[in-house]
């Protein structure tokens, strides 16, 4: 089994694919993380069955310090239905079986500040680059700045902004795997709180490619998409 190692301060950690024996530790860590959130809308927790499915398909990695699970990141092969994120970014039905989701990342509060989410993102993208999948998708709540930065750092872009999982507003991120995105075209910066203006641009084929803060406001940078799908 392939492993990745490093240090969190003076403590050594190891990253490896998770097995079904880790499900109990995964659920316990998820509960700890949920208990620290100021805004519970930022995280959509997964069920025991969903974690077991991700593990069975070798789509879940975990970080261990002295055999204790202190962080994990999960991918998933979603059910193909009318809510599939592939439809939100303009894919056709026959393309959806090659789409994988970045589902969730949890880091124990005692180990925050070491950039673990970013480290796990790099490993996940490394695994996907060697996979048969063509697109990776994810959803992030507006103003969840850490997760927005995480997705953008992996080369993902915003393809839609809409209500998902009931009535929760989400950015739909995606990246086309095995292909570099063509950069160029006009750029427009929009207040992250201006949902309607962002939705209009996205409907016209623009993509969100960055965020920044100015005068206590957060802005999203949009770029003409060209032919990225």
Protein backbone atom coordinates (compact mmCIF):
# COMPACT_ATOMS: atom_id res chain seq x y z
CA UNK A 1 0.00 0.00 0.00
CA UNK A 2 1.43 3.37 -1.02
CA UNK A 3 2.11 5.84 1.78
CA UNK A 4 3.06 9.50 2.03
CA UNK A 5 4.99 10.77 5.07
CA UNK A 6 5.87 14.10 6.61
CA UNK A 7 6.02 16.09 9.83
CA UNK A 8 3.51 18.26 11.73
CA UNK A 9 5.92 20.18 13.90
CA UNK A 10 7.90 17.43 15.61
CA UNK A 11 5.28 14.73 15.06
CA UNK A 12 5.62 12.40 12.11
CA UNK A 13 2.48 11.63 10.11
CA UNK A 14 1.66 9.09 7.45
CA UNK A 15 -1.03 9.30 4.76
CA UNK A 16 -2.50 6.11 3.35
CA UNK A 17 -5.62 4.72 1.74
CA UNK A 18 -8.29 3.99 4.34
CA UNK A 19 -9.87 0.60 4.97
CA UNK A 20 -13.24 -0.42 6.42
CA UNK A 21 -11.53 -0.82 9.82
CA UNK A 22 -11.26 2.99 9.97
CA UNK A 23 -14.99 3.75 9.67
CA UNK A 24 -15.50 4.16 13.42
CA UNK A 25 -12.57 6.58 13.68
CA UNK A 26 -13.85 8.50 10.64
CA UNK A 27 -17.28 9.03 12.17
CA UNK A 28 -15.77 10.04 15.52
CA UNK A 29 -13.51 12.61 13.84
CA UNK A 30 -16.44 13.95 11.83
CA UNK A 31 -18.38 14.53 15.07
CA UNK A 32 -15.43 16.39 16.59
CA UNK A 33 -15.15 18.64 13.54
CA UNK A 34 -18.89 19.31 13.44
CA UNK A 35 -18.74 20.37 17.08
CA UNK A 36 -16.20 23.10 16.26
CA UNK A 37 -18.10 24.72 13.39
CA UNK A 38 -19.60 28.17 13.84
CA UNK A 39 -21.70 27.73 10.69
CA UNK A 40 -22.94 24.16 10.21
CA UNK A 41 -24.06 25.02 6.66
CA UNK A 42 -20.38 24.93 5.63
CA UNK A 43 -20.15 21.14 6.04
CA UNK A 44 -22.49 18.47 4.70
CA UNK A 45 -21.53 15.37 6.74
CA UNK A 46 -21.52 11.94 5.14
CA UNK A 47 -23.18 8.80 6.45
CA UNK A 48 -21.49 5.58 7.54
CA UNK A 49 -22.70 3.94 4.32
CA UNK A 50 -21.29 6.73 2.16
CA UNK A 51 -17.89 6.43 3.81
CA UNK A 52 -17.94 2.66 3.40
CA UNK A 53 -18.70 3.09 -0.30
CA UNK A 54 -15.79 5.53 -0.78
CA UNK A 55 -13.44 3.15 1.04
CA UNK A 56 -14.59 0.17 -1.03
CA UNK A 57 -13.76 2.08 -4.21
CA UNK A 58 -10.31 3.15 -2.93
CA UNK A 59 -11.36 6.79 -2.94
CA UNK A 60 -10.47 7.81 0.62
CA UNK A 61 -7.18 8.75 2.27
CA UNK A 62 -6.40 9.39 5.92
CA UNK A 63 -3.66 11.00 7.98
CA UNK A 64 -2.35 9.12 11.01
CA UNK A 65 -0.19 10.30 13.90
CA UNK A 66 0.90 7.42 16.12
CA UNK A 67 -1.92 5.28 14.65
CA UNK A 68 -4.56 7.92 15.48
CA UNK A 69 -6.65 9.20 12.54
CA UNK A 70 -6.34 12.98 12.65
CA UNK A 71 -7.56 13.94 9.14
CA UNK A 72 -9.14 12.44 6.05
CA UNK A 73 -10.25 13.37 2.57
CA UNK A 74 -12.92 11.49 0.62
CA UNK A 75 -13.84 11.14 -3.04
CA UNK A 76 -17.01 9.52 -4.30
CA UNK A 77 -18.55 8.13 -7.46
CA UNK A 78 -21.99 9.74 -7.37
CA UNK A 79 -25.30 8.29 -8.40
CA UNK A 80 -26.30 9.54 -11.85
CA UNK A 81 -29.53 11.44 -11.31
CA UNK A 82 -30.98 14.87 -12.06
CA UNK A 83 -28.94 16.41 -9.21
CA UNK A 84 -25.58 15.29 -10.63
CA UNK A 85 -23.01 18.10 -10.56
CA UNK A 86 -21.93 17.22 -14.08
CA UNK A 87 -25.19 18.65 -15.38
CA UNK A 88 -24.50 21.89 -13.51
CA UNK A 89 -21.26 22.41 -15.43
CA UNK A 90 -22.69 21.48 -18.83
CA UNK A 91 -21.71 17.83 -19.24
CA UNK A 92 -23.81 15.36 -21.21
CA UNK A 93 -25.38 12.27 -19.63
CA UNK A 94 -22.94 9.93 -21.37
CA UNK A 95 -20.02 11.78 -19.73
CA UNK A 96 -21.23 11.45 -16.14
CA UNK A 97 -19.84 8.00 -15.39
CA UNK A 98 -16.35 9.50 -15.66
CA UNK A 99 -17.02 12.18 -13.03
CA UNK A 100 -15.76 11.86 -9.46
CA UNK A 101 -16.67 14.12 -6.55
CA UNK A 102 -14.41 15.64 -3.91
CA UNK A 103 -16.77 14.97 -1.04
CA UNK A 104 -15.35 16.11 2.28
CA UNK A 105 -12.18 16.94 4.20
CA UNK A 106 -12.00 16.79 7.99
CA UNK A 107 -8.99 17.85 10.08
CA UNK A 108 -8.90 17.43 13.85
CA UNK A 109 -8.86 20.89 15.51
CA UNK A 110 -5.63 20.00 17.34
CA UNK A 111 -3.85 19.68 13.99
CA UNK A 112 -5.11 22.74 12.16
CA UNK A 113 -2.60 25.30 10.94
CA UNK A 114 -0.27 22.78 9.32
CA UNK A 115 -1.82 22.98 5.84
CA UNK A 116 -3.14 19.41 5.99
CA UNK A 117 -6.15 20.16 3.80
CA UNK A 118 -3.85 21.43 1.06
CA UNK A 119 -1.44 18.49 1.46
CA UNK A 120 -4.32 16.02 1.12
CA UNK A 121 -5.62 17.93 -1.88
CA UNK A 122 -2.28 17.53 -3.64
CA UNK A 123 -2.28 13.78 -2.98
CA UNK A 124 -5.90 13.39 -4.13
CA UNK A 125 -5.18 15.23 -7.39
CA UNK A 126 -2.07 13.08 -7.88
CA UNK A 127 -4.25 9.96 -7.57
CA UNK A 128 -6.85 11.40 -9.97
CA UNK A 129 -4.20 12.29 -12.55
CA UNK A 130 -3.47 8.57 -12.83
CA UNK A 131 -7.15 7.58 -12.91
CA UNK A 132 -9.62 6.96 -15.77
CA UNK A 133 -11.90 9.80 -14.61
CA UNK A 134 -12.24 12.90 -16.80
CA UNK A 135 -13.70 15.45 -14.36
CA UNK A 136 -13.61 16.10 -10.63
CA UNK A 137 -16.41 18.18 -9.08
CA UNK A 138 -17.10 19.66 -5.65
CA UNK A 139 -19.44 22.08 -3.91
CA UNK A 140 -18.47 24.86 -1.49
CA UNK A 141 -20.62 27.33 0.42
CA UNK A 142 -20.07 31.04 -0.33
CA UNK A 143 -17.81 32.66 2.30
CA UNK A 144 -16.31 29.31 3.33
CA UNK A 145 -13.00 30.95 2.50
CA UNK A 146 -10.68 28.11 3.53
CA UNK A 147 -12.50 25.59 1.32
CA UNK A 148 -12.80 28.05 -1.57
CA UNK A 149 -9.05 28.65 -1.48
CA UNK A 150 -8.46 24.90 -1.24
CA UNK A 151 -10.41 24.14 -4.42
CA UNK A 152 -8.84 27.01 -6.34
CA UNK A 153 -5.34 25.91 -5.29
CA UNK A 154 -6.01 22.57 -6.98
CA UNK A 155 -6.81 24.26 -10.29
CA UNK A 156 -10.56 23.84 -9.92
CA UNK A 157 -12.89 26.57 -11.20
CA UNK A 158 -16.44 27.69 -10.41
CA UNK A 159 -18.91 26.51 -13.04
CA UNK A 160 -22.20 27.26 -11.28
CA UNK A 161 -23.74 28.92 -8.21
CA UNK A 162 -27.05 27.42 -7.18
CA UNK A 163 -29.02 25.76 -4.40
CA UNK A 164 -28.00 22.17 -3.73
CA UNK A 165 -28.81 19.66 -0.97
CA UNK A 166 -32.20 21.25 -0.45
CA UNK A 167 -31.98 25.01 -0.01
CA UNK A 168 -28.24 25.50 0.58
CA UNK A 169 -26.47 27.86 -1.82
CA UNK A 170 -23.29 26.33 -3.23
CA UNK A 171 -20.55 27.07 -5.72
CA UNK A 172 -20.10 24.09 -8.05
CA UNK A 173 -16.39 23.62 -8.71
CA UNK A 174 -14.86 21.39 -11.35
CA UNK A 175 -11.61 20.52 -13.06
CA UNK A 176 -11.08 18.71 -16.31
CA UNK A 177 -8.44 16.06 -15.61
CA UNK A 178 -5.52 15.18 -17.89
CA UNK A 179 -5.74 18.58 -19.59
CA UNK A 180 -4.39 22.05 -18.78
CA UNK A 181 -6.87 24.90 -18.74
CA UNK A 182 -6.35 27.62 -21.33
CA UNK A 183 -5.84 30.93 -19.52
CA UNK A 184 -6.90 34.22 -21.04
CA UNK A 185 -9.84 36.43 -21.78
CA UNK A 186 -11.57 39.24 -19.96
CA UNK A 187 -11.66 39.29 -16.14
CA UNK A 188 -14.43 40.68 -13.93
CA UNK A 189 -14.43 40.91 -10.12
CA UNK A 190 -17.81 40.52 -8.37
CA UNK A 191 -18.79 40.86 -4.73
CA UNK A 192 -19.20 37.32 -3.36
CA UNK A 193 -22.48 38.39 -1.81
CA UNK A 194 -23.98 39.40 -5.17
CA UNK A 195 -25.50 36.05 -6.06
CA UNK A 196 -27.63 37.20 -8.99
CA UNK A 197 -24.80 38.93 -10.85
CA UNK A 198 -22.55 35.88 -10.45
CA UNK A 199 -25.31 33.57 -11.68
CA UNK A 200 -25.85 35.74 -14.76
CA UNK A 201 -22.17 35.57 -15.70
CA UNK A 202 -22.00 31.83 -15.10
CA UNK A 203 -25.08 31.32 -17.30
CA UNK A 204 -23.25 33.23 -20.05
CA UNK A 205 -20.31 30.80 -19.87
CA UNK A 206 -17.88 32.55 -17.54
CA UNK A 207 -15.95 30.63 -14.84
CA UNK A 208 -14.78 31.68 -11.38
CA UNK A 209 -11.00 31.46 -11.12
CA UNK A 210 -10.01 33.30 -7.94
CA UNK A 211 -11.07 35.12 -4.78
CA UNK A 212 -9.61 38.06 -2.90
CA UNK A 213 -10.46 40.42 -0.05
CA UNK A 214 -10.65 44.20 -0.34
CA UNK A 215 -12.03 46.67 2.23
CA UNK A 216 -13.52 43.85 4.34
CA UNK A 217 -15.39 42.42 1.34
CA UNK A 218 -14.67 39.19 -0.52
CA UNK A 219 -14.71 39.18 -4.31
CA UNK A 220 -14.76 36.40 -6.91
CA UNK A 221 -12.77 36.83 -10.12
CA UNK A 222 -14.58 35.59 -13.23
CA UNK A 223 -12.97 34.80 -16.56
CA UNK A 224 -14.26 34.09 -20.03
CA UNK A 225 -14.29 30.29 -20.26
CA UNK A 226 -13.49 29.55 -23.88
CA UNK A 227 -13.45 25.79 -24.49
CA UNK A 228 -12.62 24.15 -21.17
CA UNK A 229 -15.45 21.61 -20.78
